[in-house]
């Protein structure tokens, strides 16, 4: 699984580059990012569960975990878009 080494490896800036890539490169970039997002979501969920008795902190981590999962769903929607219209859809999905 690829590891994100710096902030430019993840996030909205990285996602916005999708619109400027060929269709196959878009899918490659998404495939590279999905395991990173899954690991991040899993790590945040595990941390939230370990904070039993610290409701506020646990809730914050759980919320961040759910945001990571939501990013996966956005990427899956992008994959489902026909390649010809995908670039026009990426911008609105990354806002």
PDB file of N, CA and C in Angstrom:
ATOM      1  N   UNK A   1       0.833  -1.167   0.000  1.00  0.00           N
ATOM      2  CA  UNK A   1       0.000   0.000   0.000  1.00  0.00           C
ATOM      3  C   UNK A   1       0.886   1.241   0.000  1.00  0.00           C
ATOM      4  N   UNK A   2       0.600   2.238  -0.892  1.00  0.00           N
ATOM      5  CA  UNK A   2       1.414   3.441  -0.912  1.00  0.00           C
ATOM      6  C   UNK A   2       1.185   4.270   0.348  1.00  0.00           C
ATOM      7  N   UNK A   3       2.236   4.900   0.802  1.00  0.00           N
ATOM      8  CA  UNK A   3       2.154   5.763   1.982  1.00  0.00           C
ATOM      9  C   UNK A   3       2.238   7.213   1.534  1.00  0.00           C
ATOM     10  N   UNK A   4       1.388   8.056   2.076  1.00  0.00           N
ATOM     11  CA  UNK A   4       1.485   9.488   1.820  1.00  0.00           C
ATOM     12  C   UNK A   4       2.678  10.014   2.606  1.00  0.00           C
ATOM     13  N   UNK A   5       3.595  10.643   1.924  1.00  0.00           N
ATOM     14  CA  UNK A   5       4.810  11.130   2.564  1.00  0.00           C
ATOM     15  C   UNK A   5       4.726  12.602   2.948  1.00  0.00           C
ATOM     16  N   UNK A   6       3.924  13.380   2.220  1.00  0.00           N
ATOM     17  CA  UNK A   6       3.786  14.802   2.519  1.00  0.00           C
ATOM     18  C   UNK A   6       2.379  15.249   2.140  1.00  0.00           C
ATOM     19  N   UNK A   7       2.007  16.446   2.578  1.00  0.00           N
ATOM     20  CA  UNK A   7       0.635  16.904   2.387  1.00  0.00           C
ATOM     21  C   UNK A   7       0.252  17.024   0.918  1.00  0.00           C
ATOM     22  N   UNK A   8       1.209  17.256   0.032  1.00  0.00           N
ATOM     23  CA  UNK A   8       0.879  17.362  -1.388  1.00  0.00           C
ATOM     24  C   UNK A   8       0.525  16.010  -1.996  1.00  0.00           C
ATOM     25  N   UNK A   9       0.752  14.922  -1.271  1.00  0.00           N
ATOM     26  CA  UNK A   9       0.408  13.587  -1.753  1.00  0.00           C
ATOM     27  C   UNK A   9      -1.074  13.270  -1.568  1.00  0.00           C
ATOM     28  N   UNK A  10      -1.765  14.088  -0.788  1.00  0.00           N
ATOM     29  CA  UNK A  10      -3.172  13.820  -0.484  1.00  0.00           C
ATOM     30  C   UNK A  10      -3.959  15.118  -0.554  1.00  0.00           C
ATOM     31  N   UNK A  11      -5.249  15.019  -0.438  1.00  0.00           N
ATOM     32  CA  UNK A  11      -6.087  16.194  -0.273  1.00  0.00           C
ATOM     33  C   UNK A  11      -6.673  16.744  -1.551  1.00  0.00           C
ATOM     34  N   UNK A  12      -7.341  17.891  -1.377  1.00  0.00           N
ATOM     35  CA  UNK A  12      -8.068  18.526  -2.465  1.00  0.00           C
ATOM     36  C   UNK A  12      -7.135  18.919  -3.605  1.00  0.00           C
ATOM     37  N   UNK A  13      -5.962  19.451  -3.303  1.00  0.00           N
ATOM     38  CA  UNK A  13      -5.043  19.850  -4.370  1.00  0.00           C
ATOM     39  C   UNK A  13      -4.701  18.663  -5.255  1.00  0.00           C
ATOM     40  N   UNK A  14      -4.465  17.540  -4.635  1.00  0.00           N
ATOM     41  CA  UNK A  14      -4.145  16.325  -5.400  1.00  0.00           C
ATOM     42  C   UNK A  14      -5.364  15.890  -6.207  1.00  0.00           C
ATOM     43  N   UNK A  15      -6.528  15.986  -5.605  1.00  0.00           N
ATOM     44  CA  UNK A  15      -7.755  15.595  -6.290  1.00  0.00           C
ATOM     45  C   UNK A  15      -8.059  16.470  -7.493  1.00  0.00           C
ATOM     46  N   UNK A  16      -7.750  17.755  -7.395  1.00  0.00           N
ATOM     47  CA  UNK A  16      -8.033  18.665  -8.505  1.00  0.00           C
ATOM     48  C   UNK A  16      -7.166  18.385  -9.723  1.00  0.00           C
ATOM     49  N   UNK A  17      -6.046  17.725  -9.536  1.00  0.00           N
ATOM     50  CA  UNK A  17      -5.206  17.395 -10.688  1.00  0.00           C
ATOM     51  C   UNK A  17      -5.870  16.340 -11.569  1.00  0.00           C
ATOM     52  N   UNK A  18      -6.865  15.650 -11.045  1.00  0.00           N
ATOM     53  CA  UNK A  18      -7.547  14.602 -11.811  1.00  0.00           C
ATOM     54  C   UNK A  18      -8.101  15.117 -13.131  1.00  0.00           C
ATOM     55  N   UNK A  19      -8.679  16.311 -13.114  1.00  0.00           N
ATOM     56  CA  UNK A  19      -9.327  16.841 -14.315  1.00  0.00           C
ATOM     57  C   UNK A  19      -8.351  17.023 -15.469  1.00  0.00           C
ATOM     58  N   UNK A  20      -7.082  17.209 -15.169  1.00  0.00           N
ATOM     59  CA  UNK A  20      -6.087  17.473 -16.210  1.00  0.00           C
ATOM     60  C   UNK A  20      -5.341  16.229 -16.671  1.00  0.00           C
ATOM     61  N   UNK A  21      -5.721  15.079 -16.165  1.00  0.00           N
ATOM     62  CA  UNK A  21      -5.039  13.836 -16.522  1.00  0.00           C
ATOM     63  C   UNK A  21      -5.843  13.048 -17.545  1.00  0.00           C
ATOM     64  N   UNK A  22      -5.178  12.219 -18.353  1.00  0.00           N
ATOM     65  CA  UNK A  22      -5.904  11.294 -19.224  1.00  0.00           C
ATOM     66  C   UNK A  22      -6.725  10.317 -18.372  1.00  0.00           C
ATOM     67  N   UNK A  23      -7.765   9.747 -18.961  1.00  0.00           N
ATOM     68  CA  UNK A  23      -8.690   8.876 -18.219  1.00  0.00           C
ATOM     69  C   UNK A  23      -7.972   7.743 -17.489  1.00  0.00           C
ATOM     70  N   UNK A  24      -7.016   7.095 -18.139  1.00  0.00           N
ATOM     71  CA  UNK A  24      -6.327   5.977 -17.482  1.00  0.00           C
ATOM     72  C   UNK A  24      -5.483   6.462 -16.306  1.00  0.00           C
ATOM     73  N   UNK A  25      -4.869   7.630 -16.449  1.00  0.00           N
ATOM     74  CA  UNK A  25      -4.072   8.183 -15.350  1.00  0.00           C
ATOM     75  C   UNK A  25      -4.964   8.613 -14.191  1.00  0.00           C
ATOM     76  N   UNK A  26      -6.179   9.072 -14.510  1.00  0.00           N
ATOM     77  CA  UNK A  26      -7.134   9.421 -13.453  1.00  0.00           C
ATOM     78  C   UNK A  26      -7.433   8.199 -12.597  1.00  0.00           C
ATOM     79  N   UNK A  27      -7.709   7.098 -13.258  1.00  0.00           N
ATOM     80  CA  UNK A  27      -8.026   5.867 -12.524  1.00  0.00           C
ATOM     81  C   UNK A  27      -6.828   5.377 -11.723  1.00  0.00           C
ATOM     82  N   UNK A  28      -5.633   5.519 -12.284  1.00  0.00           N
ATOM     83  CA  UNK A  28      -4.423   5.121 -11.554  1.00  0.00           C
ATOM     84  C   UNK A  28      -4.247   5.958 -10.289  1.00  0.00           C
ATOM     85  N   UNK A  29      -4.465   7.265 -10.407  1.00  0.00           N
ATOM     86  CA  UNK A  29      -4.321   8.150  -9.251  1.00  0.00           C
ATOM     87  C   UNK A  29      -5.355   7.820  -8.176  1.00  0.00           C
ATOM     88  N   UNK A  30      -6.580   7.558  -8.599  1.00  0.00           N
ATOM     89  CA  UNK A  30      -7.631   7.190  -7.645  1.00  0.00           C
ATOM     90  C   UNK A  30      -7.291   5.862  -6.979  1.00  0.00           C
ATOM     91  N   UNK A  31      -6.851   4.898  -7.769  1.00  0.00           N
ATOM     92  CA  UNK A  31      -6.492   3.587  -7.205  1.00  0.00           C
ATOM     93  C   UNK A  31      -5.345   3.709  -6.208  1.00  0.00           C
ATOM     94  N   UNK A  32      -4.445   4.633  -6.448  1.00  0.00           N
ATOM     95  CA  UNK A  32      -3.333   4.859  -5.526  1.00  0.00           C
ATOM     96  C   UNK A  32      -3.825   5.493  -4.218  1.00  0.00           C
ATOM     97  N   UNK A  33      -4.832   6.344  -4.314  1.00  0.00           N
ATOM     98  CA  UNK A  33      -5.320   7.054  -3.136  1.00  0.00           C
ATOM     99  C   UNK A  33      -6.276   6.271  -2.259  1.00  0.00           C
ATOM    100  N   UNK A  34      -7.014   5.335  -2.831  1.00  0.00           N
ATOM    101  CA  UNK A  34      -8.011   4.604  -2.041  1.00  0.00           C
ATOM    102  C   UNK A  34      -7.424   3.875  -0.834  1.00  0.00           C
ATOM    103  N   UNK A  35      -6.321   3.145  -0.977  1.00  0.00           N
ATOM    104  CA  UNK A  35      -5.759   2.481   0.207  1.00  0.00           C
ATOM    105  C   UNK A  35      -5.286   3.465   1.277  1.00  0.00           C
ATOM    106  N   UNK A  36      -4.795   4.618   0.845  1.00  0.00           N
ATOM    107  CA  UNK A  36      -4.356   5.633   1.805  1.00  0.00           C
ATOM    108  C   UNK A  36      -5.549   6.137   2.604  1.00  0.00           C
ATOM    109  N   UNK A  37      -6.651   6.402   1.908  1.00  0.00           N
ATOM    110  CA  UNK A  37      -7.858   6.859   2.596  1.00  0.00           C
ATOM    111  C   UNK A  37      -8.420   5.786   3.520  1.00  0.00           C
ATOM    112  N   UNK A  38      -8.408   4.542   3.069  1.00  0.00           N
ATOM    113  CA  UNK A  38      -8.914   3.450   3.916  1.00  0.00           C
ATOM    114  C   UNK A  38      -8.082   3.313   5.182  1.00  0.00           C
ATOM    115  N   UNK A  39      -6.771   3.393   5.045  1.00  0.00           N
ATOM    116  CA  UNK A  39      -5.898   3.288   6.217  1.00  0.00           C
ATOM    117  C   UNK A  39      -6.137   4.456   7.165  1.00  0.00           C
ATOM    118  N   UNK A  40      -6.255   5.637   6.610  1.00  0.00           N
ATOM    119  CA  UNK A  40      -6.501   6.816   7.434  1.00  0.00           C
ATOM    120  C   UNK A  40      -7.823   6.681   8.184  1.00  0.00           C
ATOM    121  N   UNK A  41      -8.872   6.264   7.485  1.00  0.00           N
ATOM    122  CA  UNK A  41     -10.176   6.083   8.131  1.00  0.00           C
ATOM    123  C   UNK A  41     -10.098   5.021   9.220  1.00  0.00           C
ATOM    124  N   UNK A  42      -9.433   3.925   8.936  1.00  0.00           N
ATOM    125  CA  UNK A  42      -9.295   2.851   9.922  1.00  0.00           C
ATOM    126  C   UNK A  42      -8.497   3.273  11.141  1.00  0.00           C
ATOM    127  N   UNK A  43      -7.409   4.005  10.905  1.00  0.00           N
ATOM    128  CA  UNK A  43      -6.587   4.487  12.023  1.00  0.00           C
ATOM    129  C   UNK A  43      -7.362   5.461  12.901  1.00  0.00           C
ATOM    130  N   UNK A  44      -8.105   6.368  12.267  1.00  0.00           N
ATOM    131  CA  UNK A  44      -8.900   7.324  13.038  1.00  0.00           C
ATOM    132  C   UNK A  44     -10.002   6.624  13.825  1.00  0.00           C
ATOM    133  N   UNK A  45     -10.633   5.629  13.218  1.00  0.00           N
ATOM    134  CA  UNK A  45     -11.679   4.879  13.914  1.00  0.00           C
ATOM    135  C   UNK A  45     -11.095   4.115  15.097  1.00  0.00           C
ATOM    136  N   UNK A  46      -9.948   3.491  14.895  1.00  0.00           N
ATOM    137  CA  UNK A  46      -9.298   2.764  15.993  1.00  0.00           C
ATOM    138  C   UNK A  46      -8.933   3.713  17.134  1.00  0.00           C
ATOM    139  N   UNK A  47      -8.441   4.889  16.781  1.00  0.00           N
ATOM    140  CA  UNK A  47      -8.101   5.873  17.812  1.00  0.00           C
ATOM    141  C   UNK A  47      -9.348   6.330  18.558  1.00  0.00           C
ATOM    142  N   UNK A  48     -10.440   6.525  17.831  1.00  0.00           N
ATOM    143  CA  UNK A  48     -11.694   6.936  18.475  1.00  0.00           C
ATOM    144  C   UNK A  48     -12.175   5.871  19.449  1.00  0.00           C
ATOM    145  N   UNK A  49     -12.073   4.628  19.037  1.00  0.00           N
ATOM    146  CA  UNK A  49     -12.518   3.528  19.910  1.00  0.00           C
ATOM    147  C   UNK A  49     -11.633   3.385  21.147  1.00  0.00           C
ATOM    148  N   UNK A  50     -10.385   3.777  21.026  1.00  0.00           N
ATOM    149  CA  UNK A  50      -9.468   3.633  22.162  1.00  0.00           C
ATOM    150  C   UNK A  50      -9.683   4.710  23.221  1.00  0.00           C
ATOM    151  N   UNK A  51     -10.463   5.701  22.899  1.00  0.00           N
ATOM    152  CA  UNK A  51     -10.685   6.806  23.828  1.00  0.00           C
ATOM    153  C   UNK A  51     -11.991   6.652  24.601  1.00  0.00           C
ATOM    154  N   UNK A  52     -12.288   5.449  25.002  1.00  0.00           N
ATOM    155  CA  UNK A  52     -13.497   5.204  25.784  1.00  0.00           C
ATOM    156  C   UNK A  52     -13.462   6.075  27.039  1.00  0.00           C
ATOM    157  N   UNK A  53     -14.556   6.747  27.301  1.00  0.00           N
ATOM    158  CA  UNK A  53     -14.617   7.638  28.449  1.00  0.00           C
ATOM    159  C   UNK A  53     -14.255   9.079  28.111  1.00  0.00           C
ATOM    160  N   UNK A  54     -13.751   9.308  26.913  1.00  0.00           N
ATOM    161  CA  UNK A  54     -13.422  10.658  26.441  1.00  0.00           C
ATOM    162  C   UNK A  54     -14.333  10.952  25.247  1.00  0.00           C
ATOM    163  N   UNK A  55     -15.597  11.183  25.555  1.00  0.00           N
ATOM    164  CA  UNK A  55     -16.631  11.269  24.524  1.00  0.00           C
ATOM    165  C   UNK A  55     -16.339  12.322  23.464  1.00  0.00           C
ATOM    166  N   UNK A  56     -15.946  13.512  23.874  1.00  0.00           N
ATOM    167  CA  UNK A  56     -15.727  14.589  22.913  1.00  0.00           C
ATOM    168  C   UNK A  56     -14.577  14.252  21.967  1.00  0.00           C
ATOM    169  N   UNK A  57     -13.463  13.836  22.502  1.00  0.00           N
ATOM    170  CA  UNK A  57     -12.305  13.493  21.670  1.00  0.00           C
ATOM    171  C   UNK A  57     -12.629  12.336  20.737  1.00  0.00           C
ATOM    172  N   UNK A  58     -13.314  11.347  21.258  1.00  0.00           N
ATOM    173  CA  UNK A  58     -13.699  10.193  20.455  1.00  0.00           C
ATOM    174  C   UNK A  58     -14.624  10.609  19.315  1.00  0.00           C
ATOM    175  N   UNK A  59     -15.565  11.502  19.607  1.00  0.00           N
ATOM    176  CA  UNK A  59     -16.504  11.968  18.577  1.00  0.00           C
ATOM    177  C   UNK A  59     -15.791  12.738  17.472  1.00  0.00           C
ATOM    178  N   UNK A  60     -14.804  13.531  17.848  1.00  0.00           N
ATOM    179  CA  UNK A  60     -14.040  14.287  16.848  1.00  0.00           C
ATOM    180  C   UNK A  60     -13.304  13.333  15.912  1.00  0.00           C
ATOM    181  N   UNK A  61     -12.644  12.341  16.480  1.00  0.00           N
ATOM    182  CA  UNK A  61     -11.916  11.371  15.650  1.00  0.00           C
ATOM    183  C   UNK A  61     -12.866  10.552  14.787  1.00  0.00           C
ATOM    184  N   UNK A  62     -14.012  10.199  15.330  1.00  0.00           N
ATOM    185  CA  UNK A  62     -15.011   9.466  14.550  1.00  0.00           C
ATOM    186  C   UNK A  62     -15.485  10.314  13.374  1.00  0.00           C
ATOM    187  N   UNK A  63     -15.713  11.602  13.617  1.00  0.00           N
ATOM    188  CA  UNK A  63     -16.120  12.500  12.536  1.00  0.00           C
ATOM    189  C   UNK A  63     -15.082  12.583  11.434  1.00  0.00           C
ATOM    190  N   UNK A  64     -13.821  12.659  11.812  1.00  0.00           N
ATOM    191  CA  UNK A  64     -12.746  12.697  10.812  1.00  0.00           C
ATOM    192  C   UNK A  64     -12.675  11.376  10.042  1.00  0.00           C
ATOM    193  N   UNK A  65     -12.909  10.288  10.730  1.00  0.00           N
ATOM    194  CA  UNK A  65     -12.922   8.983  10.068  1.00  0.00           C
ATOM    195  C   UNK A  65     -14.036   8.926   9.022  1.00  0.00           C
ATOM    196  N   UNK A  66     -15.197   9.426   9.380  1.00  0.00           N
ATOM    197  CA  UNK A  66     -16.323   9.435   8.440  1.00  0.00           C
ATOM    198  C   UNK A  66     -16.042  10.342   7.244  1.00  0.00           C
ATOM    199  N   UNK A  67     -15.327  11.433   7.463  1.00  0.00           N
ATOM    200  CA  UNK A  67     -14.942  12.298   6.345  1.00  0.00           C
ATOM    201  C   UNK A  67     -14.021  11.563   5.371  1.00  0.00           C
ATOM    202  N   UNK A  68     -13.119  10.764   5.888  1.00  0.00           N
ATOM    203  CA  UNK A  68     -12.229   9.990   5.021  1.00  0.00           C
ATOM    204  C   UNK A  68     -13.031   8.988   4.185  1.00  0.00           C
ATOM    205  N   UNK A  69     -14.006   8.361   4.812  1.00  0.00           N
ATOM    206  CA  UNK A  69     -14.863   7.415   4.083  1.00  0.00           C
ATOM    207  C   UNK A  69     -15.679   8.159   3.026  1.00  0.00           C
ATOM    208  N   UNK A  70     -16.142   9.362   3.348  1.00  0.00           N
ATOM    209  CA  UNK A  70     -16.897  10.155   2.375  1.00  0.00           C
ATOM    210  C   UNK A  70     -16.036  10.490   1.159  1.00  0.00           C
ATOM    211  N   UNK A  71     -14.750  10.741   1.373  1.00  0.00           N
ATOM    212  CA  UNK A  71     -13.842  11.002   0.253  1.00  0.00           C
ATOM    213  C   UNK A  71     -13.772   9.796  -0.674  1.00  0.00           C
ATOM    214  N   UNK A  72     -13.791   8.615  -0.091  1.00  0.00           N
ATOM    215  CA  UNK A  72     -13.776   7.393  -0.902  1.00  0.00           C
ATOM    216  C   UNK A  72     -15.020   7.341  -1.780  1.00  0.00           C
ATOM    217  N   UNK A  73     -16.166   7.686  -1.209  1.00  0.00           N
ATOM    218  CA  UNK A  73     -17.408   7.676  -1.984  1.00  0.00           C
ATOM    219  C   UNK A  73     -17.367   8.696  -3.118  1.00  0.00           C
ATOM    220  N   UNK A  74     -16.789   9.869  -2.875  1.00  0.00           N
ATOM    221  CA  UNK A  74     -16.644  10.869  -3.933  1.00  0.00           C
ATOM    222  C   UNK A  74     -15.760  10.321  -5.048  1.00  0.00           C
ATOM    223  N   UNK A  75     -14.656   9.691  -4.686  1.00  0.00           N
ATOM    224  CA  UNK A  75     -13.773   9.108  -5.703  1.00  0.00           C
ATOM    225  C   UNK A  75     -14.475   8.013  -6.491  1.00  0.00           C
ATOM    226  N   UNK A  76     -15.291   7.228  -5.827  1.00  0.00           N
ATOM    227  CA  UNK A  76     -16.026   6.178  -6.536  1.00  0.00           C
ATOM    228  C   UNK A  76     -17.041   6.786  -7.508  1.00  0.00           C
ATOM    229  N   UNK A  77     -17.658   7.906  -7.135  1.00  0.00           N
ATOM    230  CA  UNK A  77     -18.554   8.599  -8.061  1.00  0.00           C
ATOM    231  C   UNK A  77     -17.793   9.091  -9.284  1.00  0.00           C
ATOM    232  N   UNK A  78     -16.584   9.582  -9.067  1.00  0.00           N
ATOM    233  CA  UNK A  78     -15.765  10.040 -10.191  1.00  0.00           C
ATOM    234  C   UNK A  78     -15.444   8.871 -11.115  1.00  0.00           C
ATOM    235  N   UNK A  79     -15.108   7.731 -10.558  1.00  0.00           N
ATOM    236  CA  UNK A  79     -14.798   6.545 -11.365  1.00  0.00           C
ATOM    237  C   UNK A  79     -16.012   6.134 -12.194  1.00  0.00           C
ATOM    238  N   UNK A  80     -17.190   6.273 -11.628  1.00  0.00           N
ATOM    239  CA  UNK A  80     -18.410   5.859 -12.319  1.00  0.00           C
ATOM    240  C   UNK A  80     -18.800   6.799 -13.456  1.00  0.00           C
ATOM    241  N   UNK A  81     -18.266   8.028 -13.462  1.00  0.00           N
ATOM    242  CA  UNK A  81     -18.573   8.972 -14.535  1.00  0.00           C
ATOM    243  C   UNK A  81     -17.956   8.480 -15.842  1.00  0.00           C
ATOM    244  N   UNK A  82     -18.671   8.644 -16.951  1.00  0.00           N
ATOM    245  CA  UNK A  82     -18.063   8.305 -18.242  1.00  0.00           C
ATOM    246  C   UNK A  82     -16.798   9.145 -18.456  1.00  0.00           C
ATOM    247  N   UNK A  83     -15.742   8.541 -18.989  1.00  0.00           N
ATOM    248  CA  UNK A  83     -14.463   9.251 -19.143  1.00  0.00           C
ATOM    249  C   UNK A  83     -14.565  10.588 -19.876  1.00  0.00           C
ATOM    250  N   UNK A  84     -15.468  10.703 -20.831  1.00  0.00           N
ATOM    251  CA  UNK A  84     -15.562  11.946 -21.606  1.00  0.00           C
ATOM    252  C   UNK A  84     -16.095  13.118 -20.787  1.00  0.00           C
ATOM    253  N   UNK A  85     -16.931  12.848 -19.806  1.00  0.00           N
ATOM    254  CA  UNK A  85     -17.463  13.953 -18.999  1.00  0.00           C
ATOM    255  C   UNK A  85     -16.789  14.063 -17.633  1.00  0.00           C
ATOM    256  N   UNK A  86     -15.935  13.125 -17.314  1.00  0.00           N
ATOM    257  CA  UNK A  86     -15.282  13.106 -16.000  1.00  0.00           C
ATOM    258  C   UNK A  86     -14.557  14.420 -15.676  1.00  0.00           C
ATOM    259  N   UNK A  87     -13.743  14.979 -16.602  1.00  0.00           N
ATOM    260  CA  UNK A  87     -13.030  16.218 -16.243  1.00  0.00           C
ATOM    261  C   UNK A  87     -13.968  17.354 -15.829  1.00  0.00           C
ATOM    262  N   UNK A  88     -15.139  17.455 -16.461  1.00  0.00           N
ATOM    263  CA  UNK A  88     -16.068  18.534 -16.109  1.00  0.00           C
ATOM    264  C   UNK A  88     -16.762  18.284 -14.776  1.00  0.00           C
ATOM    265  N   UNK A  89     -16.752  17.071 -14.299  1.00  0.00           N
ATOM    266  CA  UNK A  89     -17.405  16.723 -13.029  1.00  0.00           C
ATOM    267  C   UNK A  89     -16.452  16.754 -11.838  1.00  0.00           C
ATOM    268  N   UNK A  90     -15.166  16.621 -12.093  1.00  0.00           N
ATOM    269  CA  UNK A  90     -14.201  16.546 -10.993  1.00  0.00           C
ATOM    270  C   UNK A  90     -14.190  17.837 -10.181  1.00  0.00           C
ATOM    271  N   UNK A  91     -14.167  18.985 -10.847  1.00  0.00           N
ATOM    272  CA  UNK A  91     -14.119  20.266 -10.141  1.00  0.00           C
ATOM    273  C   UNK A  91     -15.224  20.421  -9.114  1.00  0.00           C
ATOM    274  N   UNK A  92     -16.489  20.283  -9.530  1.00  0.00           N
ATOM    275  CA  UNK A  92     -17.574  20.416  -8.553  1.00  0.00           C
ATOM    276  C   UNK A  92     -17.515  19.374  -7.432  1.00  0.00           C
ATOM    277  N   UNK A  93     -17.034  18.180  -7.729  1.00  0.00           N
ATOM    278  CA  UNK A  93     -16.968  17.140  -6.700  1.00  0.00           C
ATOM    279  C   UNK A  93     -15.854  17.398  -5.693  1.00  0.00           C
ATOM    280  N   UNK A  94     -14.860  18.193  -6.068  1.00  0.00           N
ATOM    281  CA  UNK A  94     -13.727  18.446  -5.184  1.00  0.00           C
ATOM    282  C   UNK A  94     -13.876  19.729  -4.378  1.00  0.00           C
ATOM    283  N   UNK A  95     -15.037  20.361  -4.431  1.00  0.00           N
ATOM    284  CA  UNK A  95     -15.240  21.596  -3.662  1.00  0.00           C
ATOM    285  C   UNK A  95     -15.776  21.312  -2.296  1.00  0.00           C
TER     286      UNK A  95
END
